[in-house]
Amino acid sequence: MSVLGEEWSDAISFERCMCDFLYPYVTQASVVAEIGVGGGRVAKRMFGKVKSLTCFDISLEMLKKAKVTLEG
């Protein structure tokens, strides 16, 4: 597991969800916010596919983990 939260699903199922429910609705012009970013597993896949990505979480520790994920 390289990103906190990857234990919630297998890689194939997660990628299928991304392809079915997120990727079709974003472009390089999209301005996106993720509420409850956690460790950043979704944000990591959206980063670079959108114009702007803002991450929110109630936990400062989760925001720090997401930042590390996105910088890595």
N, C-alpha and C. Protein backbone atom coordinates (compact mmCIF):
# COMPACT_ATOMS: atom_id res chain seq x y z
N MET A 1 0.85 -1.18 0.00
CA MET A 1 0.00 0.00 0.00
C MET A 1 0.89 1.24 0.00
N SER A 2 0.78 2.05 -1.03
CA SER A 2 1.61 3.24 -1.10
C SER A 2 0.85 4.50 -0.69
N VAL A 3 -0.49 4.46 -0.73
CA VAL A 3 -1.29 5.62 -0.36
C VAL A 3 -2.34 5.19 0.67
N LEU A 4 -2.43 5.96 1.76
CA LEU A 4 -3.44 5.69 2.76
C LEU A 4 -4.82 5.67 2.09
N GLY A 5 -5.58 4.65 2.34
CA GLY A 5 -6.91 4.51 1.75
C GLY A 5 -6.99 3.44 0.69
N GLU A 6 -5.83 3.01 0.18
CA GLU A 6 -5.84 1.97 -0.85
C GLU A 6 -6.34 0.63 -0.31
N GLU A 7 -6.37 0.49 1.02
CA GLU A 7 -6.87 -0.75 1.61
C GLU A 7 -8.39 -0.87 1.48
N TRP A 8 -9.06 0.18 1.04
CA TRP A 8 -10.52 0.16 0.93
C TRP A 8 -11.02 -0.63 -0.27
N SER A 9 -10.18 -0.84 -1.28
CA SER A 9 -10.62 -1.59 -2.47
C SER A 9 -9.41 -2.11 -3.22
N ASP A 10 -9.65 -3.08 -4.08
CA ASP A 10 -8.56 -3.55 -4.93
C ASP A 10 -8.33 -2.55 -6.06
N ALA A 11 -7.16 -2.56 -6.62
CA ALA A 11 -6.75 -1.57 -7.61
C ALA A 11 -7.64 -1.59 -8.85
N ILE A 12 -8.03 -2.77 -9.31
CA ILE A 12 -8.84 -2.87 -10.53
C ILE A 12 -10.22 -2.26 -10.31
N SER A 13 -10.88 -2.60 -9.20
CA SER A 13 -12.20 -2.06 -8.91
C SER A 13 -12.16 -0.55 -8.72
N PHE A 14 -11.12 -0.07 -8.04
CA PHE A 14 -11.00 1.36 -7.81
C PHE A 14 -10.82 2.11 -9.13
N GLU A 15 -9.97 1.61 -9.98
CA GLU A 15 -9.75 2.26 -11.28
C GLU A 15 -11.02 2.23 -12.12
N ARG A 16 -11.77 1.15 -12.04
CA ARG A 16 -13.04 1.06 -12.77
C ARG A 16 -14.00 2.15 -12.29
N CYS A 17 -14.06 2.36 -10.98
CA CYS A 17 -14.91 3.44 -10.44
C CYS A 17 -14.45 4.80 -10.93
N MET A 18 -13.15 5.02 -10.95
CA MET A 18 -12.63 6.29 -11.45
C MET A 18 -13.04 6.50 -12.91
N CYS A 19 -12.92 5.46 -13.70
CA CYS A 19 -13.26 5.54 -15.13
C CYS A 19 -14.76 5.73 -15.34
N ASP A 20 -15.57 5.11 -14.51
CA ASP A 20 -17.02 5.20 -14.67
C ASP A 20 -17.62 6.48 -14.10
N PHE A 21 -17.10 6.95 -12.98
CA PHE A 21 -17.78 8.01 -12.25
C PHE A 21 -17.06 9.36 -12.19
N LEU A 22 -15.76 9.40 -12.47
CA LEU A 22 -15.06 10.68 -12.37
C LEU A 22 -14.42 11.13 -13.68
N TYR A 23 -13.58 10.31 -14.27
CA TYR A 23 -12.85 10.73 -15.46
C TYR A 23 -13.75 11.27 -16.57
N PRO A 24 -14.92 10.69 -16.82
CA PRO A 24 -15.76 11.21 -17.92
C PRO A 24 -16.25 12.65 -17.69
N TYR A 25 -16.19 13.13 -16.47
CA TYR A 25 -16.77 14.42 -16.14
C TYR A 25 -15.75 15.54 -15.91
N VAL A 26 -14.49 15.24 -16.13
CA VAL A 26 -13.46 16.26 -15.95
C VAL A 26 -12.64 16.44 -17.21
N THR A 27 -12.12 17.66 -17.37
CA THR A 27 -11.23 17.98 -18.48
C THR A 27 -10.07 18.81 -17.92
N GLN A 28 -9.15 19.15 -18.77
CA GLN A 28 -8.05 20.01 -18.37
C GLN A 28 -8.53 21.40 -17.95
N ALA A 29 -9.77 21.74 -18.25
CA ALA A 29 -10.34 23.04 -17.87
C ALA A 29 -11.13 22.97 -16.56
N SER A 30 -11.30 21.79 -15.99
CA SER A 30 -12.13 21.61 -14.79
C SER A 30 -11.46 22.18 -13.54
N VAL A 31 -12.29 22.80 -12.70
CA VAL A 31 -11.87 23.25 -11.38
C VAL A 31 -12.58 22.33 -10.40
N VAL A 32 -11.80 21.55 -9.64
CA VAL A 32 -12.34 20.45 -8.85
C VAL A 32 -12.00 20.63 -7.37
N ALA A 33 -12.93 20.22 -6.51
CA ALA A 33 -12.67 20.17 -5.07
C ALA A 33 -13.00 18.76 -4.59
N GLU A 34 -12.15 18.22 -3.75
CA GLU A 34 -12.44 16.94 -3.13
C GLU A 34 -12.65 17.17 -1.64
N ILE A 35 -13.83 16.81 -1.16
CA ILE A 35 -14.16 16.96 0.25
C ILE A 35 -13.90 15.62 0.93
N GLY A 36 -13.06 15.64 1.95
CA GLY A 36 -12.69 14.40 2.62
C GLY A 36 -11.58 13.68 1.87
N VAL A 37 -10.52 14.39 1.56
CA VAL A 37 -9.45 13.86 0.73
C VAL A 37 -8.70 12.69 1.37
N GLY A 38 -8.71 12.61 2.70
CA GLY A 38 -8.00 11.52 3.36
C GLY A 38 -6.54 11.49 2.95
N GLY A 39 -6.06 10.32 2.58
CA GLY A 39 -4.67 10.17 2.19
C GLY A 39 -4.35 10.61 0.78
N GLY A 40 -5.37 10.95 0.00
CA GLY A 40 -5.15 11.49 -1.35
C GLY A 40 -5.22 10.48 -2.48
N ARG A 41 -5.80 9.30 -2.26
CA ARG A 41 -5.79 8.30 -3.34
C ARG A 41 -6.59 8.73 -4.56
N VAL A 42 -7.71 9.42 -4.38
CA VAL A 42 -8.47 9.93 -5.53
C VAL A 42 -7.77 11.16 -6.10
N ALA A 43 -7.37 12.06 -5.23
CA ALA A 43 -6.70 13.28 -5.68
C ALA A 43 -5.46 12.96 -6.51
N LYS A 44 -4.73 11.93 -6.13
CA LYS A 44 -3.52 11.53 -6.86
C LYS A 44 -3.84 11.21 -8.31
N ARG A 45 -4.99 10.61 -8.55
CA ARG A 45 -5.37 10.24 -9.92
C ARG A 45 -5.98 11.41 -10.68
N MET A 46 -6.54 12.37 -9.97
CA MET A 46 -7.13 13.54 -10.62
C MET A 46 -6.09 14.61 -10.94
N PHE A 47 -5.05 14.66 -10.10
CA PHE A 47 -3.99 15.66 -10.26
C PHE A 47 -3.39 15.55 -11.66
N GLY A 48 -3.32 16.65 -12.37
CA GLY A 48 -2.78 16.65 -13.73
C GLY A 48 -3.84 16.47 -14.79
N LYS A 49 -5.03 16.00 -14.41
CA LYS A 49 -6.12 15.83 -15.37
C LYS A 49 -7.07 17.03 -15.35
N VAL A 50 -6.89 17.92 -14.35
CA VAL A 50 -7.77 19.07 -14.18
C VAL A 50 -6.96 20.35 -14.07
N LYS A 51 -7.63 21.47 -14.29
CA LYS A 51 -6.95 22.78 -14.19
C LYS A 51 -6.55 23.09 -12.76
N SER A 52 -7.46 22.81 -11.83
CA SER A 52 -7.23 23.14 -10.43
C SER A 52 -7.88 22.08 -9.55
N LEU A 53 -7.16 21.70 -8.50
CA LEU A 53 -7.67 20.70 -7.55
C LEU A 53 -7.46 21.24 -6.14
N THR A 54 -8.57 21.43 -5.41
CA THR A 54 -8.52 21.88 -4.04
C THR A 54 -8.99 20.75 -3.14
N CYS A 55 -8.23 20.45 -2.12
CA CYS A 55 -8.55 19.33 -1.23
C CYS A 55 -8.96 19.84 0.15
N PHE A 56 -10.04 19.25 0.66
CA PHE A 56 -10.55 19.58 1.98
C PHE A 56 -10.59 18.32 2.84
N ASP A 57 -10.35 18.48 4.12
CA ASP A 57 -10.54 17.39 5.07
C ASP A 57 -10.68 18.01 6.45
N ILE A 58 -11.46 17.39 7.29
CA ILE A 58 -11.64 17.87 8.66
C ILE A 58 -10.37 17.68 9.49
N SER A 59 -9.51 16.78 9.06
CA SER A 59 -8.30 16.43 9.80
C SER A 59 -7.06 17.06 9.18
N LEU A 60 -6.35 17.85 9.95
CA LEU A 60 -5.10 18.42 9.49
C LEU A 60 -4.10 17.32 9.14
N GLU A 61 -4.10 16.24 9.90
CA GLU A 61 -3.18 15.12 9.64
C GLU A 61 -3.46 14.49 8.27
N MET A 62 -4.74 14.37 7.90
CA MET A 62 -5.08 13.81 6.59
C MET A 62 -4.65 14.76 5.47
N LEU A 63 -4.80 16.05 5.69
CA LEU A 63 -4.34 17.02 4.69
C LEU A 63 -2.83 16.92 4.51
N LYS A 64 -2.11 16.70 5.59
CA LYS A 64 -0.66 16.53 5.49
C LYS A 64 -0.32 15.27 4.70
N LYS A 65 -1.05 14.18 4.96
CA LYS A 65 -0.81 12.92 4.23
C LYS A 65 -1.12 13.09 2.74
N ALA A 66 -2.23 13.78 2.44
CA ALA A 66 -2.58 14.03 1.04
C ALA A 66 -1.53 14.87 0.35
N LYS A 67 -1.01 15.85 1.04
CA LYS A 67 0.05 16.69 0.46
C LYS A 67 1.28 15.86 0.11
N VAL A 68 1.67 14.98 1.01
CA VAL A 68 2.82 14.10 0.75
C VAL A 68 2.53 13.22 -0.47
N THR A 69 1.32 12.68 -0.54
CA THR A 69 0.93 11.84 -1.68
C THR A 69 1.03 12.60 -2.99
N LEU A 70 0.51 13.82 -3.00
CA LEU A 70 0.50 14.61 -4.24
C LEU A 70 1.89 15.14 -4.60
N GLU A 71 2.75 15.32 -3.64
CA GLU A 71 4.10 15.79 -3.94
C GLU A 71 5.01 14.64 -4.38
N GLY A 72 4.60 13.40 -4.04
CA GLY A 72 5.43 12.24 -4.34
C GLY A 72 5.26 11.77 -5.69
